[in-house]
Amino acid sequence: MTAPRRIVRAAVALTAMALWTGACGGGPAASEATIDREAFVATYVDLRLSALGATSGEITDAERARVLDKHGVTEDDLLSFADAYGPDPAAMKEVWDSVRVRLQVAAGEDLEAEDGAAR
């Protein structure tokens, strides 16, 4: 399994685990996150765009390191964010909605037309 897929799967697993832990009354507070929401979203989007732009569809270790360095974060920072905010489903929904919108904008999708069609 490639490193980016491990990151995504680990983030999903940690989020699910944090949601379960949060539902049971435990888990870390959101204030324990090592990075803020914007840093997580921007980094995740850039990692995803780099993978999508690669011929293989997978980001190389060097490119992943470049993107993480550009944003001043580590893989552990991304995982810590997911662990800290996972217990709050509303917050995580906002995070993934932000990621989705940014990826749609990067793909050149017309978000205004989409909003009008949904009404």
PDB file of N, CA and C in Angstrom:
ATOM      1  N   MET A   1       0.855  -1.163   0.000  1.00  0.00           N
ATOM      2  CA  MET A   1       0.000   0.000   0.000  1.00  0.00           C
ATOM      3  C   MET A   1       0.904   1.231   0.000  1.00  0.00           C
ATOM      4  N   THR A   2       0.558   2.234  -0.784  1.00  0.00           N
ATOM      5  CA  THR A   2       1.383   3.420  -0.881  1.00  0.00           C
ATOM      6  C   THR A   2       1.205   4.306   0.350  1.00  0.00           C
ATOM      7  N   ALA A   3       2.173   5.162   0.570  1.00  0.00           N
ATOM      8  CA  ALA A   3       2.144   6.040   1.743  1.00  0.00           C
ATOM      9  C   ALA A   3       0.905   6.931   1.777  1.00  0.00           C
ATOM     10  N   PRO A   4       0.500   7.577   0.646  1.00  0.00           N
ATOM     11  CA  PRO A   4      -0.698   8.431   0.722  1.00  0.00           C
ATOM     12  C   PRO A   4      -1.947   7.645   1.110  1.00  0.00           C
ATOM     13  N   ARG A   5      -2.045   6.442   0.591  1.00  0.00           N
ATOM     14  CA  ARG A   5      -3.213   5.629   0.942  1.00  0.00           C
ATOM     15  C   ARG A   5      -3.167   5.248   2.416  1.00  0.00           C
ATOM     16  N   ARG A   6      -1.950   5.009   2.928  1.00  0.00           N
ATOM     17  CA  ARG A   6      -1.822   4.708   4.355  1.00  0.00           C
ATOM     18  C   ARG A   6      -2.246   5.907   5.183  1.00  0.00           C
ATOM     19  N   ILE A   7      -1.878   7.118   4.737  1.00  0.00           N
ATOM     20  CA  ILE A   7      -2.250   8.329   5.466  1.00  0.00           C
ATOM     21  C   ILE A   7      -3.767   8.455   5.499  1.00  0.00           C
ATOM     22  N   VAL A   8      -4.397   8.324   4.332  1.00  0.00           N
ATOM     23  CA  VAL A   8      -5.848   8.475   4.251  1.00  0.00           C
ATOM     24  C   VAL A   8      -6.534   7.400   5.078  1.00  0.00           C
ATOM     25  N   ARG A   9      -6.098   6.160   4.933  1.00  0.00           N
ATOM     26  CA  ARG A   9      -6.727   5.078   5.699  1.00  0.00           C
ATOM     27  C   ARG A   9      -6.511   5.263   7.196  1.00  0.00           C
ATOM     28  N   ALA A  10      -5.312   5.704   7.581  1.00  0.00           N
ATOM     29  CA  ALA A  10      -5.055   5.947   8.999  1.00  0.00           C
ATOM     30  C   ALA A  10      -5.927   7.084   9.511  1.00  0.00           C
ATOM     31  N   ALA A  11      -6.063   8.140   8.699  1.00  0.00           N
ATOM     32  CA  ALA A  11      -6.906   9.268   9.115  1.00  0.00           C
ATOM     33  C   ALA A  11      -8.351   8.831   9.275  1.00  0.00           C
ATOM     34  N   VAL A  12      -8.836   8.034   8.340  1.00  0.00           N
ATOM     35  CA  VAL A  12     -10.216   7.540   8.424  1.00  0.00           C
ATOM     36  C   VAL A  12     -10.376   6.641   9.644  1.00  0.00           C
ATOM     37  N   ALA A  13      -9.416   5.753   9.858  1.00  0.00           N
ATOM     38  CA  ALA A  13      -9.499   4.847  11.008  1.00  0.00           C
ATOM     39  C   ALA A  13      -9.448   5.620  12.319  1.00  0.00           C
ATOM     40  N   LEU A  14      -8.555   6.599  12.384  1.00  0.00           N
ATOM     41  CA  LEU A  14      -8.468   7.402  13.600  1.00  0.00           C
ATOM     42  C   LEU A  14      -9.722   8.222  13.824  1.00  0.00           C
ATOM     43  N   THR A  15     -10.287   8.742  12.740  1.00  0.00           N
ATOM     44  CA  THR A  15     -11.519   9.508  12.866  1.00  0.00           C
ATOM     45  C   THR A  15     -12.637   8.619  13.389  1.00  0.00           C
ATOM     46  N   ALA A  16     -12.759   7.430  12.818  1.00  0.00           N
ATOM     47  CA  ALA A  16     -13.797   6.498  13.268  1.00  0.00           C
ATOM     48  C   ALA A  16     -13.568   6.115  14.731  1.00  0.00           C
ATOM     49  N   MET A  17     -12.308   5.855  15.072  1.00  0.00           N
ATOM     50  CA  MET A  17     -11.986   5.494  16.441  1.00  0.00           C
ATOM     51  C   MET A  17     -12.291   6.657  17.384  1.00  0.00           C
ATOM     52  N   ALA A  18     -11.949   7.869  16.954  1.00  0.00           N
ATOM     53  CA  ALA A  18     -12.205   9.038  17.787  1.00  0.00           C
ATOM     54  C   ALA A  18     -13.709   9.273  17.949  1.00  0.00           C
ATOM     55  N   LEU A  19     -14.466   9.042  16.871  1.00  0.00           N
ATOM     56  CA  LEU A  19     -15.919   9.178  16.965  1.00  0.00           C
ATOM     57  C   LEU A  19     -16.478   8.187  17.976  1.00  0.00           C
ATOM     58  N   TRP A  20     -15.993   6.959  17.912  1.00  0.00           N
ATOM     59  CA  TRP A  20     -16.451   5.943  18.843  1.00  0.00           C
ATOM     60  C   TRP A  20     -16.055   6.311  20.266  1.00  0.00           C
ATOM     61  N   THR A  21     -14.792   6.736  20.443  1.00  0.00           N
ATOM     62  CA  THR A  21     -14.312   7.125  21.768  1.00  0.00           C
ATOM     63  C   THR A  21     -15.092   8.320  22.279  1.00  0.00           C
ATOM     64  N   GLY A  22     -15.346   9.302  21.400  1.00  0.00           N
ATOM     65  CA  GLY A  22     -16.109  10.481  21.790  1.00  0.00           C
ATOM     66  C   GLY A  22     -17.517  10.120  22.213  1.00  0.00           C
ATOM     67  N   ALA A  23     -18.121   9.174  21.521  1.00  0.00           N
ATOM     68  CA  ALA A  23     -19.472   8.744  21.870  1.00  0.00           C
ATOM     69  C   ALA A  23     -19.493   8.061  23.229  1.00  0.00           C
ATOM     70  N   CYS A  24     -18.348   7.500  23.613  1.00  0.00           N
ATOM     71  CA  CYS A  24     -18.250   6.825  24.903  1.00  0.00           C
ATOM     72  C   CYS A  24     -17.793   7.776  26.005  1.00  0.00           C
ATOM     73  N   GLY A  25     -17.623   9.056  25.660  1.00  0.00           N
ATOM     74  CA  GLY A  25     -17.272  10.038  26.680  1.00  0.00           C
ATOM     75  C   GLY A  25     -15.790  10.256  26.868  1.00  0.00           C
ATOM     76  N   GLY A  26     -14.931   9.588  26.083  1.00  0.00           N
ATOM     77  CA  GLY A  26     -13.493   9.779  26.231  1.00  0.00           C
ATOM     78  C   GLY A  26     -12.924  10.505  25.043  1.00  0.00           C
ATOM     79  N   GLY A  27     -11.640  10.433  24.889  1.00  0.00           N
ATOM     80  CA  GLY A  27     -10.987  11.024  23.727  1.00  0.00           C
ATOM     81  C   GLY A  27     -10.472  12.409  24.000  1.00  0.00           C
ATOM     82  N   PRO A  28      -9.576  12.876  23.115  1.00  0.00           N
ATOM     83  CA  PRO A  28      -8.944  14.169  23.309  1.00  0.00           C
ATOM     84  C   PRO A  28      -9.877  15.322  22.976  1.00  0.00           C
ATOM     85  N   ALA A  29      -9.610  16.460  23.541  1.00  0.00           N
ATOM     86  CA  ALA A  29     -10.357  17.669  23.208  1.00  0.00           C
ATOM     87  C   ALA A  29      -9.804  18.239  21.914  1.00  0.00           C
ATOM     88  N   ALA A  30     -10.632  18.977  21.192  1.00  0.00           N
ATOM     89  CA  ALA A  30     -10.207  19.562  19.936  1.00  0.00           C
ATOM     90  C   ALA A  30      -9.008  20.479  20.129  1.00  0.00           C
ATOM     91  N   SER A  31      -8.866  21.061  21.293  1.00  0.00           N
ATOM     92  CA  SER A  31      -7.748  21.968  21.538  1.00  0.00           C
ATOM     93  C   SER A  31      -6.402  21.255  21.515  1.00  0.00           C
ATOM     94  N   GLU A  32      -6.400  19.921  21.555  1.00  0.00           N
ATOM     95  CA  GLU A  32      -5.156  19.162  21.524  1.00  0.00           C
ATOM     96  C   GLU A  32      -4.622  18.983  20.109  1.00  0.00           C
ATOM     97  N   ALA A  33      -5.365  19.423  19.101  1.00  0.00           N
ATOM     98  CA  ALA A  33      -4.914  19.283  17.717  1.00  0.00           C
ATOM     99  C   ALA A  33      -3.625  20.063  17.527  1.00  0.00           C
ATOM    100  N   THR A  34      -2.726  19.512  16.735  1.00  0.00           N
ATOM    101  CA  THR A  34      -1.442  20.168  16.540  1.00  0.00           C
ATOM    102  C   THR A  34      -1.496  21.202  15.427  1.00  0.00           C
ATOM    103  N   ILE A  35      -2.496  21.117  14.562  1.00  0.00           N
ATOM    104  CA  ILE A  35      -2.645  22.091  13.482  1.00  0.00           C
ATOM    105  C   ILE A  35      -4.090  22.564  13.465  1.00  0.00           C
ATOM    106  N   ASP A  36      -4.325  23.708  12.832  1.00  0.00           N
ATOM    107  CA  ASP A  36      -5.696  24.196  12.759  1.00  0.00           C
ATOM    108  C   ASP A  36      -6.416  23.624  11.543  1.00  0.00           C
ATOM    109  N   ARG A  37      -7.696  23.884  11.494  1.00  0.00           N
ATOM    110  CA  ARG A  37      -8.560  23.351  10.440  1.00  0.00           C
ATOM    111  C   ARG A  37      -8.067  23.749   9.051  1.00  0.00           C
ATOM    112  N   GLU A  38      -7.705  25.003   8.880  1.00  0.00           N
ATOM    113  CA  GLU A  38      -7.245  25.488   7.580  1.00  0.00           C
ATOM    114  C   GLU A  38      -5.987  24.762   7.124  1.00  0.00           C
ATOM    115  N   ALA A  39      -5.051  24.546   8.041  1.00  0.00           N
ATOM    116  CA  ALA A  39      -3.820  23.835   7.690  1.00  0.00           C
ATOM    117  C   ALA A  39      -4.131  22.405   7.254  1.00  0.00           C
ATOM    118  N   PHE A  40      -5.043  21.749   7.964  1.00  0.00           N
ATOM    119  CA  PHE A  40      -5.416  20.383   7.601  1.00  0.00           C
ATOM    120  C   PHE A  40      -6.058  20.349   6.218  1.00  0.00           C
ATOM    121  N   VAL A  41      -7.047  21.214   6.002  1.00  0.00           N
ATOM    122  CA  VAL A  41      -7.776  21.221   4.730  1.00  0.00           C
ATOM    123  C   VAL A  41      -6.830  21.551   3.575  1.00  0.00           C
ATOM    124  N   ALA A  42      -6.054  22.604   3.708  1.00  0.00           N
ATOM    125  CA  ALA A  42      -5.148  23.015   2.635  1.00  0.00           C
ATOM    126  C   ALA A  42      -4.127  21.928   2.315  1.00  0.00           C
ATOM    127  N   THR A  43      -3.583  21.308   3.348  1.00  0.00           N
ATOM    128  CA  THR A  43      -2.592  20.248   3.139  1.00  0.00           C
ATOM    129  C   THR A  43      -3.234  19.031   2.485  1.00  0.00           C
ATOM    130  N   TYR A  44      -4.369  18.605   2.999  1.00  0.00           N
ATOM    131  CA  TYR A  44      -5.055  17.439   2.445  1.00  0.00           C
ATOM    132  C   TYR A  44      -5.405  17.661   0.973  1.00  0.00           C
ATOM    133  N   VAL A  45      -5.925  18.854   0.662  1.00  0.00           N
ATOM    134  CA  VAL A  45      -6.289  19.163  -0.726  1.00  0.00           C
ATOM    135  C   VAL A  45      -5.055  19.126  -1.614  1.00  0.00           C
ATOM    136  N   ASP A  46      -3.960  19.739  -1.178  1.00  0.00           N
ATOM    137  CA  ASP A  46      -2.743  19.726  -1.991  1.00  0.00           C
ATOM    138  C   ASP A  46      -2.188  18.316  -2.170  1.00  0.00           C
ATOM    139  N   LEU A  47      -2.262  17.503  -1.123  1.00  0.00           N
ATOM    140  CA  LEU A  47      -1.814  16.106  -1.258  1.00  0.00           C
ATOM    141  C   LEU A  47      -2.668  15.368  -2.284  1.00  0.00           C
ATOM    142  N   ARG A  48      -3.972  15.581  -2.213  1.00  0.00           N
ATOM    143  CA  ARG A  48      -4.889  14.906  -3.138  1.00  0.00           C
ATOM    144  C   ARG A  48      -4.664  15.383  -4.561  1.00  0.00           C
ATOM    145  N   LEU A  49      -4.494  16.697  -4.752  1.00  0.00           N
ATOM    146  CA  LEU A  49      -4.255  17.230  -6.091  1.00  0.00           C
ATOM    147  C   LEU A  49      -2.936  16.724  -6.666  1.00  0.00           C
ATOM    148  N   SER A  50      -1.933  16.592  -5.824  1.00  0.00           N
ATOM    149  CA  SER A  50      -0.651  16.054  -6.290  1.00  0.00           C
ATOM    150  C   SER A  50      -0.810  14.613  -6.752  1.00  0.00           C
ATOM    151  N   ALA A  51      -1.570  13.836  -6.008  1.00  0.00           N
ATOM    152  CA  ALA A  51      -1.805  12.443  -6.400  1.00  0.00           C
ATOM    153  C   ALA A  51      -2.595  12.382  -7.698  1.00  0.00           C
ATOM    154  N   LEU A  52      -3.616  13.219  -7.821  1.00  0.00           N
ATOM    155  CA  LEU A  52      -4.429  13.219  -9.038  1.00  0.00           C
ATOM    156  C   LEU A  52      -3.637  13.683 -10.260  1.00  0.00           C
ATOM    157  N   GLY A  53      -2.647  14.549 -10.027  1.00  0.00           N
ATOM    158  CA  GLY A  53      -1.833  15.058 -11.126  1.00  0.00           C
ATOM    159  C   GLY A  53      -0.726  14.118 -11.565  1.00  0.00           C
ATOM    160  N   ALA A  54      -0.464  13.108 -10.785  1.00  0.00           N
ATOM    161  CA  ALA A  54       0.583  12.144 -11.131  1.00  0.00           C
ATOM    162  C   ALA A  54       0.074  11.164 -12.175  1.00  0.00           C
ATOM    163  N   THR A  55       0.948  10.781 -13.058  1.00  0.00           N
ATOM    164  CA  THR A  55       0.586   9.825 -14.101  1.00  0.00           C
ATOM    165  C   THR A  55       0.025   8.540 -13.501  1.00  0.00           C
ATOM    166  N   SER A  56       0.627   8.105 -12.405  1.00  0.00           N
ATOM    167  CA  SER A  56       0.202   6.860 -11.759  1.00  0.00           C
ATOM    168  C   SER A  56      -1.041   7.051 -10.901  1.00  0.00           C
ATOM    169  N   GLY A  57      -1.390   8.303 -10.609  1.00  0.00           N
ATOM    170  CA  GLY A  57      -2.511   8.568  -9.714  1.00  0.00           C
ATOM    171  C   GLY A  57      -2.126   8.464  -8.252  1.00  0.00           C
ATOM    172  N   GLU A  58      -0.836   8.260  -8.002  1.00  0.00           N
ATOM    173  CA  GLU A  58      -0.339   8.145  -6.637  1.00  0.00           C
ATOM    174  C   GLU A  58       0.783   9.149  -6.425  1.00  0.00           C
ATOM    175  N   ILE A  59       0.802   9.760  -5.279  1.00  0.00           N
ATOM    176  CA  ILE A  59       1.825  10.742  -4.950  1.00  0.00           C
ATOM    177  C   ILE A  59       3.119  10.020  -4.561  1.00  0.00           C
ATOM    178  N   THR A  60       4.243  10.559  -4.998  1.00  0.00           N
ATOM    179  CA  THR A  60       5.529   9.970  -4.626  1.00  0.00           C
ATOM    180  C   THR A  60       5.906  10.416  -3.219  1.00  0.00           C
ATOM    181  N   ASP A  61       6.832   9.694  -2.625  1.00  0.00           N
ATOM    182  CA  ASP A  61       7.297  10.076  -1.292  1.00  0.00           C
ATOM    183  C   ASP A  61       7.904  11.475  -1.315  1.00  0.00           C
ATOM    184  N   ALA A  62       8.662  11.780  -2.355  1.00  0.00           N
ATOM    185  CA  ALA A  62       9.298  13.095  -2.466  1.00  0.00           C
ATOM    186  C   ALA A  62       8.256  14.200  -2.607  1.00  0.00           C
ATOM    187  N   GLU A  63       7.222  13.966  -3.400  1.00  0.00           N
ATOM    188  CA  GLU A  63       6.174  14.968  -3.585  1.00  0.00           C
ATOM    189  C   GLU A  63       5.374  15.148  -2.303  1.00  0.00           C
ATOM    190  N   ARG A  64       5.088  14.050  -1.620  1.00  0.00           N
ATOM    191  CA  ARG A  64       4.370  14.136  -0.345  1.00  0.00           C
ATOM    192  C   ARG A  64       5.182  14.962   0.650  1.00  0.00           C
ATOM    193  N   ALA A  65       6.483  14.707   0.717  1.00  0.00           N
ATOM    194  CA  ALA A  65       7.349  15.464   1.621  1.00  0.00           C
ATOM    195  C   ALA A  65       7.365  16.942   1.248  1.00  0.00           C
ATOM    196  N   ARG A  66       7.365  17.240  -0.055  1.00  0.00           N
ATOM    197  CA  ARG A  66       7.359  18.625  -0.521  1.00  0.00           C
ATOM    198  C   ARG A  66       6.080  19.338  -0.085  1.00  0.00           C
ATOM    199  N   VAL A  67       4.937  18.671  -0.269  1.00  0.00           N
ATOM    200  CA  VAL A  67       3.648  19.272   0.095  1.00  0.00           C
ATOM    201  C   VAL A  67       3.571  19.480   1.607  1.00  0.00           C
ATOM    202  N   LEU A  68       3.961  18.484   2.378  1.00  0.00           N
ATOM    203  CA  LEU A  68       3.929  18.624   3.834  1.00  0.00           C
ATOM    204  C   LEU A  68       4.840  19.768   4.279  1.00  0.00           C
ATOM    205  N   ASP A  69       6.034  19.844   3.689  1.00  0.00           N
ATOM    206  CA  ASP A  69       6.976  20.907   4.026  1.00  0.00           C
ATOM    207  C   ASP A  69       6.413  22.279   3.650  1.00  0.00           C
ATOM    208  N   LYS A  70       5.775  22.352   2.486  1.00  0.00           N
ATOM    209  CA  LYS A  70       5.162  23.614   2.029  1.00  0.00           C
ATOM    210  C   LYS A  70       4.180  24.150   3.065  1.00  0.00           C
ATOM    211  N   HIS A  71       3.431  23.244   3.686  1.00  0.00           N
ATOM    212  CA  HIS A  71       2.420  23.643   4.664  1.00  0.00           C
ATOM    213  C   HIS A  71       2.952  23.641   6.098  1.00  0.00           C
ATOM    214  N   GLY A  72       4.185  23.196   6.267  1.00  0.00           N
ATOM    215  CA  GLY A  72       4.778  23.182   7.602  1.00  0.00           C
ATOM    216  C   GLY A  72       4.134  22.188   8.541  1.00  0.00           C
ATOM    217  N   VAL A  73       3.675  21.053   7.986  1.00  0.00           N
ATOM    218  CA  VAL A  73       3.038  20.026   8.806  1.00  0.00           C
ATOM    219  C   VAL A  73       3.707  18.674   8.570  1.00  0.00           C
ATOM    220  N   THR A  74       3.408  17.735   9.440  1.00  0.00           N
ATOM    221  CA  THR A  74       3.904  16.371   9.314  1.00  0.00           C
ATOM    222  C   THR A  74       2.713  15.423   9.161  1.00  0.00           C
ATOM    223  N   GLU A  75       3.012  14.187   8.812  1.00  0.00           N
ATOM    224  CA  GLU A  75       1.950  13.181   8.757  1.00  0.00           C
ATOM    225  C   GLU A  75       1.290  13.045  10.132  1.00  0.00           C
ATOM    226  N   ASP A  76       2.102  13.088  11.180  1.00  0.00           N
ATOM    227  CA  ASP A  76       1.560  12.985  12.541  1.00  0.00           C
ATOM    228  C   ASP A  76       0.622  14.143  12.859  1.00  0.00           C
ATOM    229  N   ASP A  77       0.929  15.344  12.337  1.00  0.00           N
ATOM    230  CA  ASP A  77       0.031  16.479  12.548  1.00  0.00           C
ATOM    231  C   ASP A  77      -1.344  16.207  11.940  1.00  0.00           C
ATOM    232  N   LEU A  78      -1.354  15.638  10.732  1.00  0.00           N
ATOM    233  CA  LEU A  78      -2.625  15.331  10.071  1.00  0.00           C
ATOM    234  C   LEU A  78      -3.404  14.290  10.869  1.00  0.00           C
ATOM    235  N   LEU A  79      -2.698  13.269  11.338  1.00  0.00           N
ATOM    236  CA  LEU A  79      -3.355  12.223  12.118  1.00  0.00           C
ATOM    237  C   LEU A  79      -3.835  12.764  13.470  1.00  0.00           C
ATOM    238  N   SER A  80      -3.049  13.637  14.084  1.00  0.00           N
ATOM    239  CA  SER A  80      -3.449  14.233  15.363  1.00  0.00           C
ATOM    240  C   SER A  80      -4.693  15.094  15.197  1.00  0.00           C
ATOM    241  N   PHE A  81      -4.776  15.810  14.085  1.00  0.00           N
ATOM    242  CA  PHE A  81      -5.963  16.618  13.818  1.00  0.00           C
ATOM    243  C   PHE A  81      -7.199  15.724  13.737  1.00  0.00           C
ATOM    244  N   ALA A  82      -7.095  14.643  12.958  1.00  0.00           N
ATOM    245  CA  ALA A  82      -8.225  13.724  12.816  1.00  0.00           C
ATOM    246  C   ALA A  82      -8.594  13.105  14.162  1.00  0.00           C
ATOM    247  N   ASP A  83      -7.597  12.796  14.965  1.00  0.00           N
ATOM    248  CA  ASP A  83      -7.844  12.218  16.280  1.00  0.00           C
ATOM    249  C   ASP A  83      -8.537  13.221  17.202  1.00  0.00           C
ATOM    250  N   ALA A  84      -8.100  14.471  17.158  1.00  0.00           N
ATOM    251  CA  ALA A  84      -8.648  15.484  18.051  1.00  0.00           C
ATOM    252  C   ALA A  84     -10.056  15.922  17.661  1.00  0.00           C
ATOM    253  N   TYR A  85     -10.312  16.058  16.366  1.00  0.00           N
ATOM    254  CA  TYR A  85     -11.610  16.575  15.920  1.00  0.00           C
ATOM    255  C   TYR A  85     -12.607  15.473  15.582  1.00  0.00           C
ATOM    256  N   GLY A  86     -12.159  14.242  15.519  1.00  0.00           N
ATOM    257  CA  GLY A  86     -13.036  13.129  15.193  1.00  0.00           C
ATOM    258  C   GLY A  86     -14.262  12.984  16.065  1.00  0.00           C
ATOM    259  N   PRO A  87     -14.171  13.285  17.364  1.00  0.00           N
ATOM    260  CA  PRO A  87     -15.353  13.142  18.216  1.00  0.00           C
ATOM    261  C   PRO A  87     -16.480  14.125  17.892  1.00  0.00           C
ATOM    262  N   ASP A  88     -16.203  15.116  17.061  1.00  0.00           N
ATOM    263  CA  ASP A  88     -17.208  16.129  16.723  1.00  0.00           C
ATOM    264  C   ASP A  88     -17.649  15.936  15.267  1.00  0.00           C
ATOM    265  N   PRO A  89     -18.696  15.153  15.041  1.00  0.00           N
ATOM    266  CA  PRO A  89     -19.124  14.863  13.669  1.00  0.00           C
ATOM    267  C   PRO A  89     -19.445  16.122  12.865  1.00  0.00           C
ATOM    268  N   ALA A  90     -20.018  17.131  13.491  1.00  0.00           N
ATOM    269  CA  ALA A  90     -20.345  18.365  12.767  1.00  0.00           C
ATOM    270  C   ALA A  90     -19.073  19.055  12.289  1.00  0.00           C
ATOM    271  N   ALA A  91     -18.056  19.090  13.135  1.00  0.00           N
ATOM    272  CA  ALA A  91     -16.785  19.709  12.746  1.00  0.00           C
ATOM    273  C   ALA A  91     -16.130  18.930  11.606  1.00  0.00           C
ATOM    274  N   MET A  92     -16.141  17.609  11.695  1.00  0.00           N
ATOM    275  CA  MET A  92     -15.519  16.798  10.633  1.00  0.00           C
ATOM    276  C   MET A  92     -16.302  16.921   9.331  1.00  0.00           C
ATOM    277  N   LYS A  93     -17.615  17.046   9.404  1.00  0.00           N
ATOM    278  CA  LYS A  93     -18.404  17.239   8.193  1.00  0.00           C
ATOM    279  C   LYS A  93     -17.995  18.553   7.518  1.00  0.00           C
ATOM    280  N   GLU A  94     -17.806  19.600   8.315  1.00  0.00           N
ATOM    281  CA  GLU A  94     -17.366  20.880   7.759  1.00  0.00           C
ATOM    282  C   GLU A  94     -15.988  20.761   7.107  1.00  0.00           C
ATOM    283  N   VAL A  95     -15.106  20.014   7.742  1.00  0.00           N
ATOM    284  CA  VAL A  95     -13.767  19.806   7.184  1.00  0.00           C
ATOM    285  C   VAL A  95     -13.867  19.119   5.828  1.00  0.00           C
ATOM    286  N   TRP A  96     -14.596  17.999   5.760  1.00  0.00           N
ATOM    287  CA  TRP A  96     -14.675  17.250   4.500  1.00  0.00           C
ATOM    288  C   TRP A  96     -15.476  18.016   3.448  1.00  0.00           C
ATOM    289  N   ASP A  97     -16.449  18.820   3.867  1.00  0.00           N
ATOM    290  CA  ASP A  97     -17.161  19.684   2.917  1.00  0.00           C
ATOM    291  C   ASP A  97     -16.195  20.708   2.320  1.00  0.00           C
ATOM    292  N   SER A  98     -15.325  21.272   3.150  1.00  0.00           N
ATOM    293  CA  SER A  98     -14.326  22.234   2.656  1.00  0.00           C
ATOM    294  C   SER A  98     -13.377  21.569   1.675  1.00  0.00           C
ATOM    295  N   VAL A  99     -12.953  20.368   1.997  1.00  0.00           N
ATOM    296  CA  VAL A  99     -12.063  19.625   1.091  1.00  0.00           C
ATOM    297  C   VAL A  99     -12.776  19.394  -0.244  1.00  0.00           C
ATOM    298  N   ARG A 100     -14.019  18.928  -0.179  1.00  0.00           N
ATOM    299  CA  ARG A 100     -14.783  18.649  -1.401  1.00  0.00           C
ATOM    300  C   ARG A 100     -14.923  19.897  -2.266  1.00  0.00           C
ATOM    301  N   VAL A 101     -15.287  21.011  -1.660  1.00  0.00           N
ATOM    302  CA  VAL A 101     -15.481  22.251  -2.419  1.00  0.00           C
ATOM    303  C   VAL A 101     -14.172  22.690  -3.068  1.00  0.00           C
ATOM    304  N   ARG A 102     -13.084  22.626  -2.329  1.00  0.00           N
ATOM    305  CA  ARG A 102     -11.792  23.042  -2.903  1.00  0.00           C
ATOM    306  C   ARG A 102     -11.362  22.138  -4.049  1.00  0.00           C
ATOM    307  N   LEU A 103     -11.641  20.852  -3.926  1.00  0.00           N
ATOM    308  CA  LEU A 103     -11.311  19.938  -5.026  1.00  0.00           C
ATOM    309  C   LEU A 103     -12.198  20.216  -6.239  1.00  0.00           C
ATOM    310  N   GLN A 104     -13.463  20.543  -5.994  1.00  0.00           N
ATOM    311  CA  GLN A 104     -14.358  20.883  -7.097  1.00  0.00           C
ATOM    312  C   GLN A 104     -13.896  22.162  -7.798  1.00  0.00           C
ATOM    313  N   VAL A 105     -13.499  23.157  -7.029  1.00  0.00           N
ATOM    314  CA  VAL A 105     -12.999  24.406  -7.606  1.00  0.00           C
ATOM    315  C   VAL A 105     -11.745  24.123  -8.424  1.00  0.00           C
ATOM    316  N   ALA A 106     -10.847  23.319  -7.889  1.00  0.00           N
ATOM    317  CA  ALA A 106      -9.617  22.975  -8.608  1.00  0.00           C
ATOM    318  C   ALA A 106      -9.915  22.239  -9.907  1.00  0.00           C
ATOM    319  N   ALA A 107     -11.017  21.493  -9.928  1.00  0.00           N
ATOM    320  CA  ALA A 107     -11.413  20.755 -11.129  1.00  0.00           C
ATOM    321  C   ALA A 107     -12.172  21.636 -12.110  1.00  0.00           C
ATOM    322  N   GLY A 108     -12.420  22.895 -11.710  1.00  0.00           N
ATOM    323  CA  GLY A 108     -13.110  23.820 -12.594  1.00  0.00           C
ATOM    324  C   GLY A 108     -14.614  23.683 -12.596  1.00  0.00           C
ATOM    325  N   GLU A 109     -15.160  23.033 -11.580  1.00  0.00           N
ATOM    326  CA  GLU A 109     -16.614  22.878 -11.513  1.00  0.00           C
ATOM    327  C   GLU A 109     -17.263  24.212 -11.153  1.00  0.00           C
ATOM    328  N   ASP A 110     -18.436  24.449 -11.689  1.00  0.00           N
ATOM    329  CA  ASP A 110     -19.203  25.669 -11.430  1.00  0.00           C
ATOM    330  C   ASP A 110     -20.075  25.442 -10.212  1.00  0.00           C
ATOM    331  N   LEU A 111     -19.597  25.908  -9.061  1.00  0.00           N
ATOM    332  CA  LEU A 111     -20.311  25.684  -7.803  1.00  0.00           C
ATOM    333  C   LEU A 111     -21.598  26.482  -7.722  1.00  0.00           C
ATOM    334  N   GLU A 112     -21.659  27.630  -8.371  1.00  0.00           N
ATOM    335  CA  GLU A 112     -22.902  28.423  -8.358  1.00  0.00           C
ATOM    336  C   GLU A 112     -24.003  27.685  -9.088  1.00  0.00           C
ATOM    337  N   ALA A 113     -23.683  27.052 -10.204  1.00  0.00           N
ATOM    338  CA  ALA A 113     -24.691  26.293 -10.953  1.00  0.00           C
ATOM    339  C   ALA A 113     -25.175  25.117 -10.116  1.00  0.00           C
ATOM    340  N   GLU A 114     -24.237  24.500  -9.373  1.00  0.00           N
ATOM    341  CA  GLU A 114     -24.603  23.376  -8.516  1.00  0.00           C
ATOM    342  C   GLU A 114     -25.539  23.836  -7.402  1.00  0.00           C
ATOM    343  N   ASP A 115     -25.258  25.007  -6.810  1.00  0.00           N
ATOM    344  CA  ASP A 115     -26.100  25.538  -5.739  1.00  0.00           C
ATOM    345  C   ASP A 115     -27.495  25.844  -6.264  1.00  0.00           C
ATOM    346  N   GLY A 116     -27.576  26.401  -7.463  1.00  0.00           N
ATOM    347  CA  GLY A 116     -28.886  26.739  -8.060  1.00  0.00           C
ATOM    348  C   GLY A 116     -29.696  25.499  -8.363  1.00  0.00           C
ATOM    349  N   ALA A 117     -29.028  24.426  -8.768  1.00  0.00           N
ATOM    350  CA  ALA A 117     -29.726  23.181  -9.100  1.00  0.00           C
ATOM    351  C   ALA A 117     -30.245  22.495  -7.840  1.00  0.00           C
ATOM    352  N   ALA A 118     -29.588  22.743  -6.711  1.00  0.00           N
ATOM    353  CA  ALA A 118     -29.995  22.079  -5.479  1.00  0.00           C
ATOM    354  C   ALA A 118     -31.208  22.742  -4.843  1.00  0.00           C
ATOM    355  N   ARG A 119     -31.515  23.959  -5.241  1.00  0.00           N
ATOM    356  CA  ARG A 119     -32.616  24.699  -4.608  1.00  0.00           C
ATOM    357  C   ARG A 119     -33.941  24.268  -5.097  1.00  0.00           C
TER     358      ARG A 119
END
